[in-house]
Amino acid sequence: MDGDISRYEDIINLPHHVSSVHPHMNMSDRAAQFAPFDALTGFSEAVDETAKKSQKENEIWIGGK
């Protein structure tokens, strides 16, 4: 690669394409496309439950010292 832009000389100065068919998407809708999704359904709930159990065990251990 080494920064060789000569391969793109034919397209580097072309104007930005604007579709005549599809309306411009607003920023909020565009951002939603890239928002994370819950690929592991229930994972966050399992993590929360484990954290609660650990907190309770920690409180018992500290309290019993």
N, C-alpha and C. Protein backbone atom coordinates (compact mmCIF):
# COMPACT_ATOMS: atom_id res chain seq x y z
N MET A 1 0.83 -1.18 0.00
CA MET A 1 0.00 0.00 0.00
C MET A 1 0.88 1.25 0.00
N ASP A 2 1.62 1.48 0.99
CA ASP A 2 2.60 2.57 1.08
C ASP A 2 2.09 3.93 0.61
N GLY A 3 0.79 4.20 0.76
CA GLY A 3 0.25 5.51 0.44
C GLY A 3 0.23 5.82 -1.04
N ASP A 4 0.26 4.83 -1.90
CA ASP A 4 0.27 5.04 -3.35
C ASP A 4 -1.15 5.34 -3.82
N ILE A 5 -1.44 6.63 -4.06
CA ILE A 5 -2.78 6.99 -4.50
C ILE A 5 -2.90 7.04 -6.02
N SER A 6 -1.83 6.73 -6.73
CA SER A 6 -1.88 6.78 -8.19
C SER A 6 -2.92 5.81 -8.76
N ARG A 7 -3.23 4.76 -8.01
CA ARG A 7 -4.24 3.81 -8.48
C ARG A 7 -5.63 4.43 -8.49
N TYR A 8 -5.83 5.52 -7.77
CA TYR A 8 -7.15 6.13 -7.63
C TYR A 8 -7.27 7.47 -8.36
N GLU A 9 -6.30 7.80 -9.18
CA GLU A 9 -6.32 9.09 -9.86
C GLU A 9 -7.56 9.31 -10.70
N ASP A 10 -8.15 8.24 -11.25
CA ASP A 10 -9.32 8.38 -12.11
C ASP A 10 -10.60 8.69 -11.33
N ILE A 11 -10.62 8.42 -10.03
CA ILE A 11 -11.85 8.65 -9.25
C ILE A 11 -11.67 9.63 -8.11
N ILE A 12 -10.45 10.01 -7.80
CA ILE A 12 -10.19 10.80 -6.58
C ILE A 12 -10.89 12.16 -6.59
N ASN A 13 -11.10 12.76 -7.74
CA ASN A 13 -11.69 14.10 -7.78
C ASN A 13 -13.13 14.12 -8.27
N LEU A 14 -13.77 12.95 -8.30
CA LEU A 14 -15.17 12.91 -8.71
C LEU A 14 -16.06 13.53 -7.63
N PRO A 15 -17.18 14.15 -8.03
CA PRO A 15 -18.09 14.72 -7.03
C PRO A 15 -18.79 13.62 -6.25
N HIS A 16 -19.22 13.94 -5.05
CA HIS A 16 -19.94 13.00 -4.19
C HIS A 16 -21.27 12.65 -4.85
N HIS A 17 -21.58 11.37 -4.91
CA HIS A 17 -22.83 10.91 -5.53
C HIS A 17 -24.03 11.20 -4.62
N VAL A 18 -25.08 11.72 -5.21
CA VAL A 18 -26.34 11.94 -4.50
C VAL A 18 -27.42 11.22 -5.29
N SER A 19 -28.10 10.29 -4.65
CA SER A 19 -29.12 9.49 -5.33
C SER A 19 -30.32 10.33 -5.72
N SER A 20 -30.83 10.08 -6.92
CA SER A 20 -32.06 10.74 -7.35
C SER A 20 -33.27 9.86 -7.03
N VAL A 21 -33.02 8.65 -6.56
CA VAL A 21 -34.09 7.70 -6.27
C VAL A 21 -34.35 7.60 -4.76
N HIS A 22 -33.30 7.49 -3.98
CA HIS A 22 -33.44 7.31 -2.53
C HIS A 22 -33.25 8.63 -1.80
N PRO A 23 -34.15 8.97 -0.89
CA PRO A 23 -34.00 10.22 -0.14
C PRO A 23 -32.81 10.13 0.82
N HIS A 24 -32.26 11.28 1.15
CA HIS A 24 -31.14 11.36 2.09
C HIS A 24 -31.58 10.86 3.46
N MET A 25 -30.80 10.00 4.08
CA MET A 25 -31.14 9.46 5.40
C MET A 25 -30.67 10.42 6.48
N ASN A 26 -31.54 10.70 7.45
CA ASN A 26 -31.13 11.61 8.51
C ASN A 26 -30.10 10.93 9.43
N MET A 27 -29.39 11.71 10.20
CA MET A 27 -28.28 11.21 11.01
C MET A 27 -28.73 10.19 12.05
N SER A 28 -29.91 10.40 12.64
CA SER A 28 -30.42 9.49 13.66
C SER A 28 -30.70 8.10 13.08
N ASP A 29 -31.35 8.06 11.92
CA ASP A 29 -31.65 6.78 11.29
C ASP A 29 -30.37 6.08 10.84
N ARG A 30 -29.43 6.84 10.35
CA ARG A 30 -28.16 6.26 9.91
C ARG A 30 -27.41 5.66 11.10
N ALA A 31 -27.39 6.36 12.22
CA ALA A 31 -26.71 5.87 13.41
C ALA A 31 -27.35 4.58 13.91
N ALA A 32 -28.66 4.47 13.78
CA ALA A 32 -29.37 3.28 14.25
C ALA A 32 -28.92 2.03 13.50
N GLN A 33 -28.49 2.19 12.26
CA GLN A 33 -28.01 1.04 11.49
C GLN A 33 -26.77 0.41 12.12
N PHE A 34 -25.98 1.22 12.77
CA PHE A 34 -24.72 0.76 13.31
C PHE A 34 -24.76 0.54 14.82
N ALA A 35 -25.93 0.69 15.40
CA ALA A 35 -26.08 0.48 16.84
C ALA A 35 -25.85 -1.00 17.17
N PRO A 36 -25.26 -1.28 18.31
CA PRO A 36 -25.06 -2.68 18.68
C PRO A 36 -26.39 -3.39 18.88
N PHE A 37 -26.40 -4.67 18.64
CA PHE A 37 -27.61 -5.45 18.85
C PHE A 37 -27.31 -6.55 19.85
N ASP A 38 -28.34 -7.07 20.46
CA ASP A 38 -28.18 -8.08 21.51
C ASP A 38 -28.01 -9.45 20.85
N ALA A 39 -26.79 -9.73 20.39
CA ALA A 39 -26.52 -10.99 19.69
C ALA A 39 -26.68 -12.18 20.62
N LEU A 40 -26.39 -12.00 21.87
CA LEU A 40 -26.52 -13.07 22.85
C LEU A 40 -27.70 -12.75 23.75
N THR A 41 -28.88 -13.14 23.31
CA THR A 41 -30.10 -12.84 24.06
C THR A 41 -30.00 -13.39 25.48
N GLY A 42 -30.23 -12.53 26.45
CA GLY A 42 -30.18 -12.94 27.84
C GLY A 42 -28.81 -12.83 28.49
N PHE A 43 -27.80 -12.52 27.71
CA PHE A 43 -26.44 -12.46 28.25
C PHE A 43 -26.31 -11.36 29.30
N SER A 44 -26.83 -10.18 29.00
CA SER A 44 -26.69 -9.07 29.95
C SER A 44 -27.43 -9.37 31.26
N GLU A 45 -28.56 -10.06 31.17
CA GLU A 45 -29.29 -10.43 32.38
C GLU A 45 -28.48 -11.43 33.21
N ALA A 46 -27.81 -12.38 32.54
CA ALA A 46 -26.98 -13.36 33.24
C ALA A 46 -25.80 -12.68 33.93
N VAL A 47 -25.21 -11.72 33.27
CA VAL A 47 -24.09 -10.97 33.86
C VAL A 47 -24.57 -10.20 35.08
N ASP A 48 -25.73 -9.54 34.95
CA ASP A 48 -26.29 -8.80 36.09
C ASP A 48 -26.58 -9.71 37.27
N GLU A 49 -27.13 -10.88 37.01
CA GLU A 49 -27.44 -11.83 38.08
C GLU A 49 -26.17 -12.32 38.77
N THR A 50 -25.14 -12.61 37.99
CA THR A 50 -23.87 -13.04 38.57
C THR A 50 -23.26 -11.94 39.42
N ALA A 51 -23.36 -10.69 38.95
CA ALA A 51 -22.84 -9.56 39.73
C ALA A 51 -23.57 -9.42 41.05
N LYS A 52 -24.88 -9.61 41.04
CA LYS A 52 -25.67 -9.52 42.28
C LYS A 52 -25.26 -10.61 43.26
N LYS A 53 -25.08 -11.84 42.75
CA LYS A 53 -24.67 -12.95 43.61
C LYS A 53 -23.29 -12.69 44.21
N SER A 54 -22.38 -12.18 43.38
CA SER A 54 -21.03 -11.88 43.87
C SER A 54 -21.05 -10.80 44.94
N GLN A 55 -21.89 -9.79 44.73
CA GLN A 55 -22.01 -8.71 45.70
C GLN A 55 -22.54 -9.24 47.03
N LYS A 56 -23.54 -10.11 46.98
CA LYS A 56 -24.11 -10.68 48.21
C LYS A 56 -23.07 -11.53 48.93
N GLU A 57 -22.34 -12.36 48.17
CA GLU A 57 -21.30 -13.19 48.78
C GLU A 57 -20.20 -12.34 49.39
N ASN A 58 -19.87 -11.26 48.74
CA ASN A 58 -18.84 -10.36 49.24
C ASN A 58 -19.31 -9.69 50.54
N GLU A 59 -20.57 -9.28 50.59
CA GLU A 59 -21.11 -8.67 51.79
C GLU A 59 -21.14 -9.66 52.96
N ILE A 60 -21.49 -10.91 52.68
CA ILE A 60 -21.50 -11.94 53.72
C ILE A 60 -20.10 -12.20 54.21
N TRP A 61 -19.14 -12.30 53.30
CA TRP A 61 -17.76 -12.58 53.67
C TRP A 61 -17.17 -11.45 54.51
N ILE A 62 -17.41 -10.22 54.09
CA ILE A 62 -16.89 -9.06 54.82
C ILE A 62 -17.57 -8.97 56.19
N GLY A 63 -18.87 -9.20 56.23
CA GLY A 63 -19.63 -9.11 57.47
C GLY A 63 -19.25 -10.21 58.46
N GLY A 64 -18.80 -11.37 57.98
CA GLY A 64 -18.48 -12.49 58.86
C GLY A 64 -17.05 -12.46 59.37
N LYS A 65 -16.26 -11.48 58.97
CA LYS A 65 -14.87 -11.40 59.34
C LYS A 65 -14.66 -11.08 60.78
